[in-house]
Each structure stands twice: as structure tokens, then as C-alpha cells.
Amino acid sequence: MDIPEHLQADYDALTENQKRFVALWSGQGKATAEAAGYSPGIAAKKAACRNMRNPIIKQLIALKRAEAVKDGIMTRTERQELWSRLALDPTVPLKHRLKATELLGKSQGDFIDRFQDESGPKVVKVSYVDDRE
């Protein structure tokens, strides 16, 4: 993980165990603390709680999560390339090839019907009747 410049000084001030805790973060505090070198058991649980209250560690973990999500999401082009490969591969079952073709067509707007109302603006006349008269 690349440390942003504005967090570099704070990152450098962390202990080696804290840096490993950030690098090894798995979503499970105690297990991550043990893997990072903290004493197992209650000590690791306490260290995980302490680390997760540290604003710098929380910020670094949030950045790490964002990077992981970003790396795990396909771009539109990557999805279209995948669907194209599946649609053209004769070893893929026909129903999957057809679905890939459908998704590819949808992503490229092949099935959009556009209707444009060219009759001009609609005028609605409203009149109020006074029942008291």
C-alpha cells in the first residue's frame, strides 16, 4: 500500500507492530494483531481495540480497504471484453453465451427505445369553482 504524502509522517511514527497491523488487516482485529506480532489471546484483543481507536491506523485501514475494492471492480471495458470472450467461446454452454451477448448488448445500449414527444408543451387549464355562491 502506498502511503499518501500527508500521512507519511504519522505512519513513520507508528510502531513496527502497528505498521504490520495495518498491512495485515483482515477485518478481524484479534487475529490481525496476533499475526502482526502482538502477544496472543487477551493481549492481542486489547492491542486490536487500542489500534482501532488510533485515528491514523483507522485512516490507513480505510485507505487499504478502498484500494482493495478499487482493484476488485472491473471497468466497463473489462466487463465488455469478458462478455465478448464468453460469447465467442464455443466451449462455453450456449445459455451462458446468450446471456453474455445480452449483457453486452445492454451495456452498449442496443435495447433502448427512445420516444420523443414533439407535440410541444402541454397546457393544462385549471379553473376553480366557488361552491359558496
N, C-alpha and C. Protein backbone atom coordinates (compact mmCIF):
# COMPACT_ATOMS: atom_id res chain seq x y z
N MET A 1 0.84 -1.17 0.00
CA MET A 1 0.00 0.00 0.00
C MET A 1 0.89 1.23 0.00
N ASP A 2 0.60 2.16 -0.89
CA ASP A 2 1.32 3.43 -0.92
C ASP A 2 0.73 4.36 0.12
N ILE A 3 1.59 4.93 0.95
CA ILE A 3 1.14 5.84 1.99
C ILE A 3 1.05 7.25 1.38
N PRO A 4 -0.12 7.89 1.48
CA PRO A 4 -0.23 9.26 0.96
C PRO A 4 0.75 10.20 1.67
N GLU A 5 1.21 11.17 0.95
CA GLU A 5 2.23 12.09 1.47
C GLU A 5 1.78 12.76 2.77
N HIS A 6 0.50 13.14 2.85
CA HIS A 6 0.03 13.85 4.05
C HIS A 6 -0.04 12.94 5.28
N LEU A 7 0.05 11.62 5.09
CA LEU A 7 0.04 10.69 6.23
C LEU A 7 1.41 10.06 6.50
N GLN A 8 2.39 10.37 5.69
CA GLN A 8 3.68 9.70 5.79
C GLN A 8 4.34 9.91 7.15
N ALA A 9 4.34 11.15 7.66
CA ALA A 9 4.98 11.43 8.95
C ALA A 9 4.27 10.67 10.07
N ASP A 10 2.93 10.64 10.03
CA ASP A 10 2.18 9.90 11.04
C ASP A 10 2.45 8.40 10.94
N TYR A 11 2.54 7.89 9.71
CA TYR A 11 2.83 6.47 9.51
C TYR A 11 4.21 6.13 10.06
N ASP A 12 5.19 6.99 9.81
CA ASP A 12 6.55 6.75 10.29
C ASP A 12 6.60 6.71 11.83
N ALA A 13 5.68 7.42 12.49
CA ALA A 13 5.66 7.46 13.96
C ALA A 13 5.04 6.20 14.57
N LEU A 14 4.37 5.38 13.78
CA LEU A 14 3.77 4.15 14.29
C LEU A 14 4.86 3.15 14.67
N THR A 15 4.54 2.25 15.59
CA THR A 15 5.48 1.18 15.94
C THR A 15 5.48 0.16 14.80
N GLU A 16 6.47 -0.71 14.83
CA GLU A 16 6.53 -1.75 13.80
C GLU A 16 5.31 -2.67 13.86
N ASN A 17 4.87 -3.01 15.08
CA ASN A 17 3.67 -3.84 15.22
C ASN A 17 2.44 -3.14 14.65
N GLN A 18 2.32 -1.83 14.89
CA GLN A 18 1.19 -1.09 14.35
C GLN A 18 1.23 -1.06 12.82
N LYS A 19 2.41 -0.88 12.27
CA LYS A 19 2.54 -0.89 10.80
C LYS A 19 2.15 -2.25 10.23
N ARG A 20 2.60 -3.33 10.90
CA ARG A 20 2.22 -4.68 10.46
C ARG A 20 0.73 -4.90 10.62
N PHE A 21 0.14 -4.35 11.69
CA PHE A 21 -1.30 -4.46 11.92
C PHE A 21 -2.06 -3.87 10.74
N VAL A 22 -1.64 -2.69 10.29
CA VAL A 22 -2.29 -2.05 9.13
C VAL A 22 -2.08 -2.90 7.88
N ALA A 23 -0.84 -3.34 7.66
CA ALA A 23 -0.52 -4.10 6.45
C ALA A 23 -1.26 -5.43 6.39
N LEU A 24 -1.48 -6.06 7.55
CA LEU A 24 -2.09 -7.38 7.60
C LEU A 24 -3.59 -7.34 7.88
N TRP A 25 -4.17 -6.16 7.96
CA TRP A 25 -5.58 -6.03 8.35
C TRP A 25 -6.46 -6.96 7.52
N SER A 26 -7.26 -7.77 8.25
CA SER A 26 -8.12 -8.75 7.58
C SER A 26 -9.59 -8.55 7.93
N GLY A 27 -9.87 -7.59 8.80
CA GLY A 27 -11.23 -7.39 9.25
C GLY A 27 -11.48 -8.02 10.62
N GLN A 28 -10.55 -8.82 11.07
CA GLN A 28 -10.64 -9.47 12.38
C GLN A 28 -9.51 -8.92 13.25
N GLY A 29 -9.87 -8.05 14.19
CA GLY A 29 -8.87 -7.35 14.99
C GLY A 29 -7.91 -8.24 15.74
N LYS A 30 -8.44 -9.18 16.52
CA LYS A 30 -7.58 -10.04 17.35
C LYS A 30 -6.64 -10.89 16.48
N ALA A 31 -7.19 -11.50 15.43
CA ALA A 31 -6.37 -12.34 14.55
C ALA A 31 -5.30 -11.50 13.84
N THR A 32 -5.68 -10.30 13.43
CA THR A 32 -4.70 -9.42 12.77
C THR A 32 -3.61 -9.02 13.75
N ALA A 33 -3.99 -8.70 14.99
CA ALA A 33 -2.99 -8.31 16.00
C ALA A 33 -2.02 -9.45 16.27
N GLU A 34 -2.54 -10.67 16.38
CA GLU A 34 -1.66 -11.82 16.62
C GLU A 34 -0.72 -12.02 15.44
N ALA A 35 -1.24 -11.89 14.21
CA ALA A 35 -0.40 -12.05 13.02
C ALA A 35 0.65 -10.94 12.92
N ALA A 36 0.32 -9.77 13.49
CA ALA A 36 1.25 -8.64 13.43
C ALA A 36 2.34 -8.71 14.48
N GLY A 37 2.24 -9.67 15.40
CA GLY A 37 3.30 -9.85 16.39
C GLY A 37 2.91 -9.52 17.81
N TYR A 38 1.67 -9.17 18.06
CA TYR A 38 1.24 -8.93 19.44
C TYR A 38 1.07 -10.28 20.13
N SER A 39 1.19 -10.27 21.45
CA SER A 39 1.01 -11.50 22.24
C SER A 39 -0.39 -12.05 22.01
N PRO A 40 -0.51 -13.37 21.87
CA PRO A 40 -1.82 -13.96 21.59
C PRO A 40 -2.78 -13.82 22.76
N GLY A 41 -4.06 -14.03 22.45
CA GLY A 41 -5.10 -14.04 23.48
C GLY A 41 -5.61 -12.65 23.80
N ILE A 42 -5.79 -12.40 25.09
CA ILE A 42 -6.37 -11.15 25.57
C ILE A 42 -5.50 -9.96 25.16
N ALA A 43 -4.19 -10.13 25.22
CA ALA A 43 -3.28 -9.02 24.87
C ALA A 43 -3.50 -8.60 23.42
N ALA A 44 -3.70 -9.57 22.52
CA ALA A 44 -3.93 -9.23 21.11
C ALA A 44 -5.26 -8.53 20.94
N LYS A 45 -6.26 -8.99 21.69
CA LYS A 45 -7.58 -8.36 21.62
C LYS A 45 -7.52 -6.91 22.09
N LYS A 46 -6.81 -6.67 23.19
CA LYS A 46 -6.66 -5.31 23.71
C LYS A 46 -5.86 -4.44 22.74
N ALA A 47 -4.81 -5.01 22.15
CA ALA A 47 -4.00 -4.25 21.19
C ALA A 47 -4.83 -3.89 19.96
N ALA A 48 -5.67 -4.81 19.52
CA ALA A 48 -6.53 -4.54 18.36
C ALA A 48 -7.50 -3.41 18.67
N CYS A 49 -8.11 -3.45 19.85
CA CYS A 49 -9.03 -2.37 20.26
C CYS A 49 -8.30 -1.04 20.34
N ARG A 50 -7.12 -1.06 20.92
CA ARG A 50 -6.32 0.16 21.04
C ARG A 50 -5.94 0.69 19.65
N ASN A 51 -5.52 -0.21 18.77
CA ASN A 51 -5.15 0.21 17.41
C ASN A 51 -6.34 0.78 16.65
N MET A 52 -7.50 0.18 16.83
CA MET A 52 -8.68 0.64 16.08
C MET A 52 -9.23 1.96 16.62
N ARG A 53 -8.77 2.39 17.78
CA ARG A 53 -9.12 3.72 18.28
C ARG A 53 -8.14 4.77 17.80
N ASN A 54 -7.01 4.35 17.26
CA ASN A 54 -5.99 5.27 16.76
C ASN A 54 -6.47 5.85 15.42
N PRO A 55 -6.66 7.18 15.33
CA PRO A 55 -7.20 7.76 14.09
C PRO A 55 -6.31 7.54 12.87
N ILE A 56 -5.01 7.50 13.06
CA ILE A 56 -4.10 7.28 11.92
C ILE A 56 -4.26 5.85 11.41
N ILE A 57 -4.30 4.89 12.30
CA ILE A 57 -4.47 3.49 11.90
C ILE A 57 -5.82 3.31 11.22
N LYS A 58 -6.87 3.91 11.78
CA LYS A 58 -8.20 3.81 11.16
C LYS A 58 -8.18 4.40 9.75
N GLN A 59 -7.51 5.52 9.59
CA GLN A 59 -7.44 6.16 8.27
C GLN A 59 -6.66 5.29 7.28
N LEU A 60 -5.56 4.71 7.73
CA LEU A 60 -4.75 3.85 6.86
C LEU A 60 -5.52 2.59 6.46
N ILE A 61 -6.26 2.01 7.40
CA ILE A 61 -7.06 0.82 7.08
C ILE A 61 -8.16 1.17 6.09
N ALA A 62 -8.78 2.34 6.27
CA ALA A 62 -9.82 2.78 5.33
C ALA A 62 -9.24 2.94 3.92
N LEU A 63 -8.03 3.49 3.83
CA LEU A 63 -7.38 3.63 2.52
C LEU A 63 -7.08 2.25 1.91
N LYS A 64 -6.62 1.34 2.77
CA LYS A 64 -6.32 -0.02 2.29
C LYS A 64 -7.58 -0.70 1.77
N ARG A 65 -8.70 -0.55 2.49
CA ARG A 65 -9.98 -1.12 2.04
C ARG A 65 -10.40 -0.52 0.71
N ALA A 66 -10.28 0.80 0.58
CA ALA A 66 -10.67 1.47 -0.67
C ALA A 66 -9.84 0.97 -1.84
N GLU A 67 -8.53 0.77 -1.61
CA GLU A 67 -7.66 0.24 -2.67
C GLU A 67 -8.10 -1.17 -3.07
N ALA A 68 -8.42 -1.99 -2.08
CA ALA A 68 -8.82 -3.38 -2.36
C ALA A 68 -10.11 -3.41 -3.16
N VAL A 69 -11.05 -2.56 -2.81
CA VAL A 69 -12.32 -2.51 -3.54
C VAL A 69 -12.07 -2.01 -4.96
N LYS A 70 -11.25 -0.98 -5.07
CA LYS A 70 -10.97 -0.40 -6.39
C LYS A 70 -10.31 -1.45 -7.30
N ASP A 71 -9.37 -2.19 -6.74
CA ASP A 71 -8.68 -3.21 -7.54
C ASP A 71 -9.60 -4.37 -7.90
N GLY A 72 -10.64 -4.60 -7.11
CA GLY A 72 -11.52 -5.72 -7.34
C GLY A 72 -12.71 -5.44 -8.24
N ILE A 73 -12.87 -4.20 -8.70
CA ILE A 73 -14.03 -3.85 -9.53
C ILE A 73 -13.59 -3.72 -10.98
N MET A 74 -14.30 -4.42 -11.84
CA MET A 74 -13.99 -4.36 -13.26
C MET A 74 -14.49 -3.05 -13.85
N THR A 75 -13.76 -2.53 -14.80
CA THR A 75 -14.22 -1.35 -15.52
C THR A 75 -15.25 -1.79 -16.56
N ARG A 76 -15.93 -0.85 -17.16
CA ARG A 76 -16.92 -1.16 -18.19
C ARG A 76 -16.26 -1.91 -19.35
N THR A 77 -15.09 -1.44 -19.75
CA THR A 77 -14.38 -2.09 -20.85
C THR A 77 -13.99 -3.52 -20.50
N GLU A 78 -13.52 -3.72 -19.26
CA GLU A 78 -13.14 -5.08 -18.84
C GLU A 78 -14.34 -6.01 -18.85
N ARG A 79 -15.50 -5.52 -18.40
CA ARG A 79 -16.71 -6.35 -18.43
C ARG A 79 -17.09 -6.68 -19.86
N GLN A 80 -17.05 -5.69 -20.74
CA GLN A 80 -17.41 -5.93 -22.13
C GLN A 80 -16.45 -6.91 -22.80
N GLU A 81 -15.17 -6.82 -22.47
CA GLU A 81 -14.20 -7.77 -23.03
C GLU A 81 -14.48 -9.19 -22.53
N LEU A 82 -14.80 -9.32 -21.24
CA LEU A 82 -15.14 -10.64 -20.69
C LEU A 82 -16.36 -11.22 -21.39
N TRP A 83 -17.43 -10.42 -21.50
CA TRP A 83 -18.65 -10.90 -22.13
C TRP A 83 -18.40 -11.27 -23.60
N SER A 84 -17.55 -10.50 -24.26
CA SER A 84 -17.23 -10.81 -25.67
C SER A 84 -16.50 -12.14 -25.77
N ARG A 85 -15.52 -12.36 -24.88
CA ARG A 85 -14.78 -13.63 -24.91
C ARG A 85 -15.71 -14.81 -24.64
N LEU A 86 -16.61 -14.65 -23.65
CA LEU A 86 -17.55 -15.72 -23.34
C LEU A 86 -18.49 -15.99 -24.50
N ALA A 87 -19.01 -14.92 -25.11
CA ALA A 87 -19.97 -15.07 -26.21
C ALA A 87 -19.35 -15.75 -27.42
N LEU A 88 -18.06 -15.56 -27.63
CA LEU A 88 -17.40 -16.10 -28.81
C LEU A 88 -16.74 -17.46 -28.56
N ASP A 89 -16.70 -17.91 -27.32
CA ASP A 89 -16.03 -19.17 -26.99
C ASP A 89 -16.99 -20.34 -27.19
N PRO A 90 -16.73 -21.20 -28.18
CA PRO A 90 -17.65 -22.31 -28.44
C PRO A 90 -17.66 -23.38 -27.34
N THR A 91 -16.70 -23.35 -26.43
CA THR A 91 -16.69 -24.33 -25.35
C THR A 91 -17.60 -23.93 -24.19
N VAL A 92 -18.04 -22.67 -24.18
CA VAL A 92 -18.96 -22.19 -23.14
C VAL A 92 -20.37 -22.63 -23.51
N PRO A 93 -21.16 -23.13 -22.55
CA PRO A 93 -22.52 -23.56 -22.86
C PRO A 93 -23.33 -22.42 -23.51
N LEU A 94 -24.22 -22.80 -24.40
CA LEU A 94 -24.99 -21.83 -25.19
C LEU A 94 -25.75 -20.84 -24.32
N LYS A 95 -26.37 -21.31 -23.23
CA LYS A 95 -27.16 -20.38 -22.40
C LYS A 95 -26.28 -19.29 -21.80
N HIS A 96 -25.03 -19.61 -21.47
CA HIS A 96 -24.10 -18.62 -20.92
C HIS A 96 -23.62 -17.67 -22.02
N ARG A 97 -23.42 -18.21 -23.21
CA ARG A 97 -23.02 -17.35 -24.34
C ARG A 97 -24.12 -16.37 -24.69
N LEU A 98 -25.37 -16.85 -24.66
CA LEU A 98 -26.50 -15.96 -24.95
C LEU A 98 -26.63 -14.88 -23.87
N LYS A 99 -26.46 -15.24 -22.61
CA LYS A 99 -26.53 -14.27 -21.52
C LYS A 99 -25.42 -13.23 -21.67
N ALA A 100 -24.22 -13.67 -22.02
CA ALA A 100 -23.10 -12.74 -22.22
C ALA A 100 -23.42 -11.78 -23.37
N THR A 101 -24.04 -12.30 -24.43
CA THR A 101 -24.42 -11.45 -25.56
C THR A 101 -25.47 -10.43 -25.13
N GLU A 102 -26.44 -10.88 -24.34
CA GLU A 102 -27.48 -9.97 -23.86
C GLU A 102 -26.88 -8.86 -22.99
N LEU A 103 -26.01 -9.22 -22.05
CA LEU A 103 -25.40 -8.23 -21.17
C LEU A 103 -24.53 -7.26 -21.96
N LEU A 104 -23.82 -7.77 -22.94
CA LEU A 104 -23.00 -6.92 -23.78
C LEU A 104 -23.87 -5.92 -24.54
N GLY A 105 -24.99 -6.41 -25.10
CA GLY A 105 -25.90 -5.53 -25.82
C GLY A 105 -26.51 -4.47 -24.91
N LYS A 106 -26.91 -4.87 -23.71
CA LYS A 106 -27.47 -3.91 -22.76
C LYS A 106 -26.45 -2.85 -22.38
N SER A 107 -25.22 -3.27 -22.16
CA SER A 107 -24.19 -2.31 -21.74
C SER A 107 -23.86 -1.31 -22.84
N GLN A 108 -24.15 -1.69 -24.09
CA GLN A 108 -23.87 -0.80 -25.21
C GLN A 108 -25.13 -0.09 -25.70
N GLY A 109 -26.24 -0.27 -24.98
CA GLY A 109 -27.46 0.46 -25.30
C GLY A 109 -28.21 -0.06 -26.51
N ASP A 110 -28.03 -1.32 -26.86
CA ASP A 110 -28.69 -1.88 -28.04
C ASP A 110 -30.20 -2.03 -27.89
N PHE A 111 -30.70 -2.10 -26.67
CA PHE A 111 -32.12 -2.39 -26.47
C PHE A 111 -32.91 -1.19 -25.97
N ILE A 112 -32.41 0.00 -26.18
CA ILE A 112 -33.09 1.19 -25.70
C ILE A 112 -33.97 1.75 -26.81
N ASP A 113 -35.26 1.88 -26.51
CA ASP A 113 -36.19 2.52 -27.42
C ASP A 113 -36.45 3.91 -26.87
N ARG A 114 -36.22 4.89 -27.69
CA ARG A 114 -36.45 6.25 -27.25
C ARG A 114 -37.64 6.83 -27.99
N PHE A 115 -38.52 7.42 -27.24
CA PHE A 115 -39.67 8.09 -27.81
C PHE A 115 -39.59 9.55 -27.42
N GLN A 116 -39.72 10.39 -28.41
CA GLN A 116 -39.65 11.82 -28.13
C GLN A 116 -40.99 12.44 -28.47
N ASP A 117 -41.55 13.13 -27.51
CA ASP A 117 -42.82 13.80 -27.69
C ASP A 117 -42.53 15.16 -28.33
N GLU A 118 -42.88 15.28 -29.61
CA GLU A 118 -42.60 16.51 -30.33
C GLU A 118 -43.83 17.39 -30.51
N SER A 119 -44.87 17.10 -29.76
CA SER A 119 -46.11 17.86 -29.92
C SER A 119 -46.08 19.20 -29.20
N GLY A 120 -45.00 19.49 -28.53
CA GLY A 120 -44.89 20.78 -27.85
C GLY A 120 -45.32 20.67 -26.40
N PRO A 121 -45.25 21.79 -25.70
CA PRO A 121 -45.60 21.77 -24.28
C PRO A 121 -47.09 21.54 -24.07
N LYS A 122 -47.39 20.89 -23.00
CA LYS A 122 -48.78 20.62 -22.65
C LYS A 122 -49.29 21.77 -21.79
N VAL A 123 -50.48 22.23 -22.12
CA VAL A 123 -51.10 23.30 -21.35
C VAL A 123 -52.32 22.72 -20.65
N VAL A 124 -52.36 22.91 -19.37
CA VAL A 124 -53.48 22.42 -18.58
C VAL A 124 -54.18 23.64 -18.01
N LYS A 125 -55.45 23.75 -18.31
CA LYS A 125 -56.23 24.88 -17.81
C LYS A 125 -56.97 24.43 -16.57
N VAL A 126 -56.79 25.18 -15.50
CA VAL A 126 -57.41 24.85 -14.23
C VAL A 126 -58.33 25.99 -13.86
N SER A 127 -59.55 25.66 -13.53
CA SER A 127 -60.47 26.70 -13.05
C SER A 127 -61.04 26.26 -11.72
N TYR A 128 -61.24 27.19 -10.87
CA TYR A 128 -61.76 26.91 -9.55
C TYR A 128 -63.21 27.36 -9.48
N VAL A 129 -64.01 26.54 -8.88
CA VAL A 129 -65.42 26.87 -8.70
C VAL A 129 -65.65 27.14 -7.23
N ASP A 130 -66.30 28.26 -6.97
CA ASP A 130 -66.59 28.60 -5.58
C ASP A 130 -67.97 28.08 -5.24
N ASP A 131 -68.05 27.10 -4.39
CA ASP A 131 -69.33 26.49 -4.03
C ASP A 131 -70.18 27.39 -3.12
N ARG A 132 -69.60 28.42 -2.58
CA ARG A 132 -70.32 29.26 -1.64
C ARG A 132 -71.29 30.20 -2.33
N GLU A 133 -71.25 30.34 -3.60
CA GLU A 133 -72.11 31.30 -4.30
C GLU A 133 -73.47 30.75 -4.57
